[in-house]
Each structure stands twice: as C-alpha cells, then as structure tokens.
C-alpha cells in the first residue's frame, strides 16, 4: 500500500521530497488496525504544487488524490505538507 500511495502522490504533485511511512504496527489494537498493516500512514511531502496554498487546501488536494484508498483500506492518514520553500 505504501508503494501505491507513493506512486499516486508522485504523479499528482511531482514532489521534491516524499516519504510514505506505514505506522500501522504502532496502532496495533486500536480502531481500524488489522493484521498485515496498511491502515495507518504518515505522508511527508514538499512540492511546488503546494506553493500559495494554505494547510487545509494542501490536505484537501492530497485527500482528493487518495480518495479511493481513504474510502477503503486506510483508516488514518497523518500529513506533513509544505511548498517548495519548505
């Protein structure tokens, strides 16, 4: 799942930096967790596509790209997003 997220985000935002971290194991026993992981992710991304956008607009843009995954297997998505200026 992390590879799929990485691919979709790379295509949509052409980031200077992108890390997709599966944090599922640290949520073992919590709501939404299931054996095998792929339920809780952190995305750290820096992209010129976010320049001039506020925090909420950046988050909404990512959610649009990952709508299918968020409606399905992903239970939680933490976002750390910035424009090209950091």
PDB file of N, CA and C in Angstrom:
ATOM      1  N   UNK A   1       0.827  -1.199   0.000  1.00  0.00           N
ATOM      2  CA  UNK A   1       0.000   0.000   0.000  1.00  0.00           C
ATOM      3  C   UNK A   1       0.871   1.263   0.000  1.00  0.00           C
ATOM      4  N   UNK A   2       1.977   1.254   0.751  1.00  0.00           N
ATOM      5  CA  UNK A   2       2.849   2.427   0.789  1.00  0.00           C
ATOM      6  C   UNK A   2       3.364   2.760  -0.608  1.00  0.00           C
ATOM      7  N   UNK A   3       3.715   1.734  -1.385  1.00  0.00           N
ATOM      8  CA  UNK A   3       4.197   1.956  -2.744  1.00  0.00           C
ATOM      9  C   UNK A   3       3.133   2.569  -3.634  1.00  0.00           C
ATOM     10  N   UNK A   4       1.922   2.123  -3.467  1.00  0.00           N
ATOM     11  CA  UNK A   4       0.793   2.664  -4.236  1.00  0.00           C
ATOM     12  C   UNK A   4       0.573   4.140  -3.904  1.00  0.00           C
ATOM     13  N   UNK A   5       0.610   4.473  -2.614  1.00  0.00           N
ATOM     14  CA  UNK A   5       0.444   5.865  -2.203  1.00  0.00           C
ATOM     15  C   UNK A   5       1.575   6.719  -2.769  1.00  0.00           C
ATOM     16  N   UNK A   6       2.799   6.211  -2.653  1.00  0.00           N
ATOM     17  CA  UNK A   6       3.975   6.936  -3.150  1.00  0.00           C
ATOM     18  C   UNK A   6       3.827   7.220  -4.645  1.00  0.00           C
ATOM     19  N   UNK A   7       3.413   6.233  -5.399  1.00  0.00           N
ATOM     20  CA  UNK A   7       3.253   6.381  -6.845  1.00  0.00           C
ATOM     21  C   UNK A   7       2.188   7.424  -7.193  1.00  0.00           C
ATOM     22  N   UNK A   8       1.035   7.345  -6.561  1.00  0.00           N
ATOM     23  CA  UNK A   8      -0.053   8.282  -6.854  1.00  0.00           C
ATOM     24  C   UNK A   8       0.330   9.715  -6.481  1.00  0.00           C
ATOM     25  N   UNK A   9       0.964   9.883  -5.327  1.00  0.00           N
ATOM     26  CA  UNK A   9       1.358  11.219  -4.887  1.00  0.00           C
ATOM     27  C   UNK A   9       2.471  11.785  -5.766  1.00  0.00           C
ATOM     28  N   UNK A  10       3.408  10.944  -6.174  1.00  0.00           N
ATOM     29  CA  UNK A  10       4.492  11.388  -7.062  1.00  0.00           C
ATOM     30  C   UNK A  10       3.939  11.882  -8.388  1.00  0.00           C
ATOM     31  N   UNK A  11       3.002  11.144  -8.950  1.00  0.00           N
ATOM     32  CA  UNK A  11       2.409  11.535 -10.230  1.00  0.00           C
ATOM     33  C   UNK A  11       1.605  12.825 -10.111  1.00  0.00           C
ATOM     34  N   UNK A  12       0.877  12.967  -9.029  1.00  0.00           N
ATOM     35  CA  UNK A  12      -0.007  14.125  -8.870  1.00  0.00           C
ATOM     36  C   UNK A  12       0.729  15.410  -8.510  1.00  0.00           C
ATOM     37  N   UNK A  13       1.789  15.305  -7.693  1.00  0.00           N
ATOM     38  CA  UNK A  13       2.407  16.510  -7.137  1.00  0.00           C
ATOM     39  C   UNK A  13       3.867  16.730  -7.533  1.00  0.00           C
ATOM     40  N   UNK A  14       4.510  15.755  -8.192  1.00  0.00           N
ATOM     41  CA  UNK A  14       5.919  15.863  -8.579  1.00  0.00           C
ATOM     42  C   UNK A  14       6.752  16.478  -7.451  1.00  0.00           C
ATOM     43  N   UNK A  15       6.767  15.845  -6.287  1.00  0.00           N
ATOM     44  CA  UNK A  15       7.414  16.433  -5.114  1.00  0.00           C
ATOM     45  C   UNK A  15       8.941  16.455  -5.185  1.00  0.00           C
ATOM     46  N   UNK A  16       9.519  17.437  -4.478  1.00  0.00           N
ATOM     47  CA  UNK A  16      10.967  17.495  -4.282  1.00  0.00           C
ATOM     48  C   UNK A  16      11.377  16.456  -3.241  1.00  0.00           C
ATOM     49  N   UNK A  17      10.474  16.183  -2.321  1.00  0.00           N
ATOM     50  CA  UNK A  17      10.714  15.201  -1.259  1.00  0.00           C
ATOM     51  C   UNK A  17       9.393  14.517  -0.950  1.00  0.00           C
ATOM     52  N   UNK A  18       9.439  13.193  -0.796  1.00  0.00           N
ATOM     53  CA  UNK A  18       8.240  12.438  -0.442  1.00  0.00           C
ATOM     54  C   UNK A  18       8.630  11.218   0.375  1.00  0.00           C
ATOM     55  N   UNK A  19       8.012  11.090   1.532  1.00  0.00           N
ATOM     56  CA  UNK A  19       8.170   9.894   2.359  1.00  0.00           C
ATOM     57  C   UNK A  19       6.778   9.413   2.745  1.00  0.00           C
ATOM     58  N   UNK A  20       6.532   8.133   2.522  1.00  0.00           N
ATOM     59  CA  UNK A  20       5.277   7.499   2.925  1.00  0.00           C
ATOM     60  C   UNK A  20       5.646   6.442   3.948  1.00  0.00           C
ATOM     61  N   UNK A  21       5.211   6.640   5.182  1.00  0.00           N
ATOM     62  CA  UNK A  21       5.602   5.778   6.292  1.00  0.00           C
ATOM     63  C   UNK A  21       4.391   5.017   6.807  1.00  0.00           C
ATOM     64  N   UNK A  22       4.502   3.693   6.811  1.00  0.00           N
ATOM     65  CA  UNK A  22       3.427   2.848   7.347  1.00  0.00           C
ATOM     66  C   UNK A  22       3.600   2.778   8.861  1.00  0.00           C
ATOM     67  N   UNK A  23       2.703   3.418   9.592  1.00  0.00           N
ATOM     68  CA  UNK A  23       2.748   3.450  11.055  1.00  0.00           C
ATOM     69  C   UNK A  23       1.747   2.484  11.672  1.00  0.00           C
ATOM     70  N   UNK A  24       1.236   1.562  10.873  1.00  0.00           N
ATOM     71  CA  UNK A  24       0.170   0.664  11.321  1.00  0.00           C
ATOM     72  C   UNK A  24       0.548  -0.127  12.564  1.00  0.00           C
ATOM     73  N   UNK A  25       1.757  -0.643  12.601  1.00  0.00           N
ATOM     74  CA  UNK A  25       2.150  -1.505  13.721  1.00  0.00           C
ATOM     75  C   UNK A  25       2.092  -0.762  15.060  1.00  0.00           C
ATOM     76  N   UNK A  26       2.377   0.528  15.054  1.00  0.00           N
ATOM     77  CA  UNK A  26       2.328   1.288  16.310  1.00  0.00           C
ATOM     78  C   UNK A  26       0.894   1.532  16.771  1.00  0.00           C
ATOM     79  N   UNK A  27      -0.085   1.154  15.943  1.00  0.00           N
ATOM     80  CA  UNK A  27      -1.500   1.303  16.295  1.00  0.00           C
ATOM     81  C   UNK A  27      -2.172  -0.043  16.542  1.00  0.00           C
ATOM     82  N   UNK A  28      -1.368  -1.074  16.733  1.00  0.00           N
ATOM     83  CA  UNK A  28      -1.893  -2.425  16.996  1.00  0.00           C
ATOM     84  C   UNK A  28      -2.916  -2.366  18.132  1.00  0.00           C
ATOM     85  N   UNK A  29      -4.083  -2.934  17.882  1.00  0.00           N
ATOM     86  CA  UNK A  29      -5.138  -2.969  18.895  1.00  0.00           C
ATOM     87  C   UNK A  29      -6.053  -1.751  18.881  1.00  0.00           C
ATOM     88  N   UNK A  30      -5.688  -0.717  18.135  1.00  0.00           N
ATOM     89  CA  UNK A  30      -6.521   0.488  18.062  1.00  0.00           C
ATOM     90  C   UNK A  30      -7.588   0.318  16.981  1.00  0.00           C
ATOM     91  N   UNK A  31      -8.533   1.216  16.974  1.00  0.00           N
ATOM     92  CA  UNK A  31      -9.596   1.186  15.959  1.00  0.00           C
ATOM     93  C   UNK A  31      -8.993   1.246  14.562  1.00  0.00           C
ATOM     94  N   UNK A  32      -9.525   0.449  13.677  1.00  0.00           N
ATOM     95  CA  UNK A  32      -9.092   0.463  12.294  1.00  0.00           C
ATOM     96  C   UNK A  32      -7.883  -0.394  11.991  1.00  0.00           C
ATOM     97  N   UNK A  33      -7.180  -0.847  13.013  1.00  0.00           N
ATOM     98  CA  UNK A  33      -5.990  -1.674  12.787  1.00  0.00           C
ATOM     99  C   UNK A  33      -6.396  -3.068  12.351  1.00  0.00           C
ATOM    100  N   UNK A  34      -5.599  -3.654  11.458  1.00  0.00           N
ATOM    101  CA  UNK A  34      -5.822  -5.049  11.095  1.00  0.00           C
ATOM    102  C   UNK A  34      -4.472  -5.715  10.837  1.00  0.00           C
ATOM    103  N   UNK A  35      -4.446  -6.996  10.990  1.00  0.00           N
ATOM    104  CA  UNK A  35      -3.231  -7.785  10.776  1.00  0.00           C
ATOM    105  C   UNK A  35      -2.683  -7.525   9.376  1.00  0.00           C
ATOM    106  N   UNK A  36      -1.392  -7.346   9.278  1.00  0.00           N
ATOM    107  CA  UNK A  36      -0.761  -7.114   7.983  1.00  0.00           C
ATOM    108  C   UNK A  36      -0.482  -5.654   7.680  1.00  0.00           C
ATOM    109  N   UNK A  37      -1.004  -4.745   8.495  1.00  0.00           N
ATOM    110  CA  UNK A  37      -0.722  -3.319   8.315  1.00  0.00           C
ATOM    111  C   UNK A  37      -1.485  -2.691   7.168  1.00  0.00           C
ATOM    112  N   UNK A  38      -0.957  -1.569   6.699  1.00  0.00           N
ATOM    113  CA  UNK A  38      -1.584  -0.850   5.600  1.00  0.00           C
ATOM    114  C   UNK A  38      -2.804  -0.048   5.991  1.00  0.00           C
ATOM    115  N   UNK A  39      -2.914   0.293   7.276  1.00  0.00           N
ATOM    116  CA  UNK A  39      -4.097   1.013   7.748  1.00  0.00           C
ATOM    117  C   UNK A  39      -3.796   2.427   8.245  1.00  0.00           C
ATOM    118  N   UNK A  40      -2.596   2.659   8.733  1.00  0.00           N
ATOM    119  CA  UNK A  40      -2.220   3.951   9.307  1.00  0.00           C
ATOM    120  C   UNK A  40      -0.929   4.436   8.633  1.00  0.00           C
ATOM    121  N   UNK A  41      -0.987   5.607   8.005  1.00  0.00           N
ATOM    122  CA  UNK A  41       0.169   6.125   7.279  1.00  0.00           C
ATOM    123  C   UNK A  41       0.469   7.563   7.659  1.00  0.00           C
ATOM    124  N   UNK A  42       1.736   7.927   7.512  1.00  0.00           N
ATOM    125  CA  UNK A  42       2.196   9.309   7.619  1.00  0.00           C
ATOM    126  C   UNK A  42       2.816   9.661   6.272  1.00  0.00           C
ATOM    127  N   UNK A  43       2.431  10.816   5.726  1.00  0.00           N
ATOM    128  CA  UNK A  43       2.999  11.308   4.476  1.00  0.00           C
ATOM    129  C   UNK A  43       3.712  12.621   4.767  1.00  0.00           C
ATOM    130  N   UNK A  44       4.981  12.674   4.406  1.00  0.00           N
ATOM    131  CA  UNK A  44       5.773  13.896   4.482  1.00  0.00           C
ATOM    132  C   UNK A  44       6.113  14.265   3.044  1.00  0.00           C
ATOM    133  N   UNK A  45       5.713  15.464   2.628  1.00  0.00           N
ATOM    134  CA  UNK A  45       5.915  15.829   1.224  1.00  0.00           C
ATOM    135  C   UNK A  45       6.179  17.322   1.076  1.00  0.00           C
ATOM    136  N   UNK A  46       7.159  17.632   0.209  1.00  0.00           N
ATOM    137  CA  UNK A  46       7.462  19.020  -0.156  1.00  0.00           C
ATOM    138  C   UNK A  46       7.314  19.121  -1.676  1.00  0.00           C
ATOM    139  N   UNK A  47       6.479  20.045  -2.138  1.00  0.00           N
ATOM    140  CA  UNK A  47       6.210  20.162  -3.570  1.00  0.00           C
ATOM    141  C   UNK A  47       5.858  21.594  -3.947  1.00  0.00           C
ATOM    142  N   UNK A  48       6.342  22.015  -5.100  1.00  0.00           N
ATOM    143  CA  UNK A  48       5.978  23.337  -5.625  1.00  0.00           C
ATOM    144  C   UNK A  48       4.481  23.417  -5.912  1.00  0.00           C
ATOM    145  N   UNK A  49       3.841  22.272  -6.093  1.00  0.00           N
ATOM    146  CA  UNK A  49       2.391  22.253  -6.332  1.00  0.00           C
ATOM    147  C   UNK A  49       1.621  22.852  -5.152  1.00  0.00           C
ATOM    148  N   UNK A  50       2.244  22.882  -3.981  1.00  0.00           N
ATOM    149  CA  UNK A  50       1.591  23.421  -2.787  1.00  0.00           C
ATOM    150  C   UNK A  50       1.879  24.906  -2.566  1.00  0.00           C
ATOM    151  N   UNK A  51       2.746  25.490  -3.374  1.00  0.00           N
ATOM    152  CA  UNK A  51       3.078  26.906  -3.203  1.00  0.00           C
ATOM    153  C   UNK A  51       1.809  27.751  -3.286  1.00  0.00           C
ATOM    154  N   UNK A  52       1.640  28.659  -2.352  1.00  0.00           N
ATOM    155  CA  UNK A  52       0.484  29.547  -2.333  1.00  0.00           C
ATOM    156  C   UNK A  52      -0.772  28.939  -1.735  1.00  0.00           C
ATOM    157  N   UNK A  53      -0.684  27.678  -1.310  1.00  0.00           N
ATOM    158  CA  UNK A  53      -1.846  27.003  -0.718  1.00  0.00           C
ATOM    159  C   UNK A  53      -1.709  26.987   0.801  1.00  0.00           C
ATOM    160  N   UNK A  54      -2.819  27.135   1.487  1.00  0.00           N
ATOM    161  CA  UNK A  54      -2.832  27.004   2.934  1.00  0.00           C
ATOM    162  C   UNK A  54      -2.832  25.536   3.341  1.00  0.00           C
ATOM    163  N   UNK A  55      -2.713  25.296   4.624  1.00  0.00           N
ATOM    164  CA  UNK A  55      -2.635  23.933   5.158  1.00  0.00           C
ATOM    165  C   UNK A  55      -3.862  23.099   4.801  1.00  0.00           C
ATOM    166  N   UNK A  56      -5.039  23.673   4.935  1.00  0.00           N
ATOM    167  CA  UNK A  56      -6.270  22.930   4.644  1.00  0.00           C
ATOM    168  C   UNK A  56      -6.360  22.599   3.156  1.00  0.00           C
ATOM    169  N   UNK A  57      -6.019  23.538   2.297  1.00  0.00           N
ATOM    170  CA  UNK A  57      -6.061  23.299   0.850  1.00  0.00           C
ATOM    171  C   UNK A  57      -5.081  22.202   0.447  1.00  0.00           C
ATOM    172  N   UNK A  58      -3.903  22.185   1.059  1.00  0.00           N
ATOM    173  CA  UNK A  58      -2.926  21.126   0.773  1.00  0.00           C
ATOM    174  C   UNK A  58      -3.487  19.767   1.170  1.00  0.00           C
ATOM    175  N   UNK A  59      -4.059  19.701   2.347  1.00  0.00           N
ATOM    176  CA  UNK A  59      -4.632  18.437   2.826  1.00  0.00           C
ATOM    177  C   UNK A  59      -5.759  17.970   1.917  1.00  0.00           C
ATOM    178  N   UNK A  60      -6.614  18.887   1.518  1.00  0.00           N
ATOM    179  CA  UNK A  60      -7.724  18.522   0.624  1.00  0.00           C
ATOM    180  C   UNK A  60      -7.215  18.001  -0.713  1.00  0.00           C
ATOM    181  N   UNK A  61      -6.159  18.600  -1.226  1.00  0.00           N
ATOM    182  CA  UNK A  61      -5.587  18.153  -2.500  1.00  0.00           C
ATOM    183  C   UNK A  61      -5.082  16.716  -2.391  1.00  0.00           C
ATOM    184  N   UNK A  62      -4.416  16.400  -1.294  1.00  0.00           N
ATOM    185  CA  UNK A  62      -3.921  15.033  -1.082  1.00  0.00           C
ATOM    186  C   UNK A  62      -5.092  14.075  -0.914  1.00  0.00           C
ATOM    187  N   UNK A  63      -6.091  14.468  -0.166  1.00  0.00           N
ATOM    188  CA  UNK A  63      -7.263  13.610   0.041  1.00  0.00           C
ATOM    189  C   UNK A  63      -7.979  13.317  -1.278  1.00  0.00           C
ATOM    190  N   UNK A  64      -8.034  14.302  -2.179  1.00  0.00           N
ATOM    191  CA  UNK A  64      -8.651  14.063  -3.495  1.00  0.00           C
ATOM    192  C   UNK A  64      -7.893  12.979  -4.259  1.00  0.00           C
ATOM    193  N   UNK A  65      -6.575  13.051  -4.242  1.00  0.00           N
ATOM    194  CA  UNK A  65      -5.751  12.078  -4.968  1.00  0.00           C
ATOM    195  C   UNK A  65      -5.884  10.681  -4.362  1.00  0.00           C
ATOM    196  N   UNK A  66      -6.012  10.612  -3.040  1.00  0.00           N
ATOM    197  CA  UNK A  66      -6.054   9.313  -2.349  1.00  0.00           C
ATOM    198  C   UNK A  66      -7.472   8.908  -1.937  1.00  0.00           C
ATOM    199  N   UNK A  67      -8.474   9.475  -2.575  1.00  0.00           N
ATOM    200  CA  UNK A  67      -9.875   9.218  -2.199  1.00  0.00           C
ATOM    201  C   UNK A  67     -10.191   7.722  -2.146  1.00  0.00           C
ATOM    202  N   UNK A  68      -9.796   6.979  -3.161  1.00  0.00           N
ATOM    203  CA  UNK A  68     -10.100   5.540  -3.218  1.00  0.00           C
ATOM    204  C   UNK A  68      -9.508   4.795  -2.016  1.00  0.00           C
ATOM    205  N   UNK A  69      -8.280   5.104  -1.684  1.00  0.00           N
ATOM    206  CA  UNK A  69      -7.619   4.443  -0.555  1.00  0.00           C
ATOM    207  C   UNK A  69      -8.229   4.860   0.781  1.00  0.00           C
ATOM    208  N   UNK A  70      -8.599   6.126   0.899  1.00  0.00           N
ATOM    209  CA  UNK A  70      -9.203   6.610   2.140  1.00  0.00           C
ATOM    210  C   UNK A  70     -10.616   6.063   2.335  1.00  0.00           C
ATOM    211  N   UNK A  71     -11.299   5.764   1.250  1.00  0.00           N
ATOM    212  CA  UNK A  71     -12.626   5.151   1.341  1.00  0.00           C
ATOM    213  C   UNK A  71     -12.532   3.656   1.608  1.00  0.00           C
ATOM    214  N   UNK A  72     -11.343   3.103   1.474  1.00  0.00           N
ATOM    215  CA  UNK A  72     -11.164   1.659   1.627  1.00  0.00           C
ATOM    216  C   UNK A  72     -10.239   1.280   2.762  1.00  0.00           C
ATOM    217  N   UNK A  73      -9.045   0.823   2.415  1.00  0.00           N
ATOM    218  CA  UNK A  73      -8.184   0.189   3.414  1.00  0.00           C
ATOM    219  C   UNK A  73      -7.527   1.128   4.424  1.00  0.00           C
ATOM    220  N   UNK A  74      -7.373   2.411   4.097  1.00  0.00           N
ATOM    221  CA  UNK A  74      -6.662   3.311   5.012  1.00  0.00           C
ATOM    222  C   UNK A  74      -7.615   3.848   6.070  1.00  0.00           C
ATOM    223  N   UNK A  75      -7.216   3.677   7.320  1.00  0.00           N
ATOM    224  CA  UNK A  75      -8.012   4.151   8.447  1.00  0.00           C
ATOM    225  C   UNK A  75      -7.559   5.543   8.895  1.00  0.00           C
ATOM    226  N   UNK A  76      -6.245   5.808   8.838  1.00  0.00           N
ATOM    227  CA  UNK A  76      -5.719   7.079   9.327  1.00  0.00           C
ATOM    228  C   UNK A  76      -4.581   7.551   8.432  1.00  0.00           C
ATOM    229  N   UNK A  77      -4.543   8.859   8.183  1.00  0.00           N
ATOM    230  CA  UNK A  77      -3.515   9.457   7.344  1.00  0.00           C
ATOM    231  C   UNK A  77      -3.056  10.752   7.995  1.00  0.00           C
ATOM    232  N   UNK A  78      -1.808  10.779   8.443  1.00  0.00           N
ATOM    233  CA  UNK A  78      -1.211  11.987   9.014  1.00  0.00           C
ATOM    234  C   UNK A  78      -0.423  12.676   7.905  1.00  0.00           C
ATOM    235  N   UNK A  79      -0.558  13.990   7.792  1.00  0.00           N
ATOM    236  CA  UNK A  79       0.074  14.727   6.702  1.00  0.00           C
ATOM    237  C   UNK A  79       0.998  15.817   7.220  1.00  0.00           C
ATOM    238  N   UNK A  80       2.196  15.870   6.651  1.00  0.00           N
ATOM    239  CA  UNK A  80       3.154  16.946   6.893  1.00  0.00           C
ATOM    240  C   UNK A  80       3.523  17.466   5.508  1.00  0.00           C
ATOM    241  N   UNK A  81       2.867  18.540   5.073  1.00  0.00           N
ATOM    242  CA  UNK A  81       2.967  19.024   3.701  1.00  0.00           C
ATOM    243  C   UNK A  81       3.520  20.436   3.670  1.00  0.00           C
ATOM    244  N   UNK A  82       4.398  20.700   2.699  1.00  0.00           N
ATOM    245  CA  UNK A  82       4.933  22.048   2.555  1.00  0.00           C
ATOM    246  C   UNK A  82       5.177  22.355   1.086  1.00  0.00           C
ATOM    247  N   UNK A  83       5.240  23.656   0.788  1.00  0.00           N
ATOM    248  CA  UNK A  83       5.556  24.095  -0.559  1.00  0.00           C
ATOM    249  C   UNK A  83       7.049  23.994  -0.809  1.00  0.00           C
ATOM    250  N   UNK A  84       7.481  24.435  -1.969  1.00  0.00           N
ATOM    251  CA  UNK A  84       8.884  24.294  -2.351  1.00  0.00           C
ATOM    252  C   UNK A  84       9.826  25.102  -1.470  1.00  0.00           C
ATOM    253  N   UNK A  85       9.298  26.118  -0.793  1.00  0.00           N
ATOM    254  CA  UNK A  85      10.126  26.943   0.087  1.00  0.00           C
ATOM    255  C   UNK A  85      10.275  26.340   1.481  1.00  0.00           C
ATOM    256  N   UNK A  86       9.675  25.157   1.677  1.00  0.00           N
ATOM    257  CA  UNK A  86       9.804  24.455   2.956  1.00  0.00           C
ATOM    258  C   UNK A  86       8.761  24.872   3.905  1.00  0.00           C
TER     259      UNK A  86
END
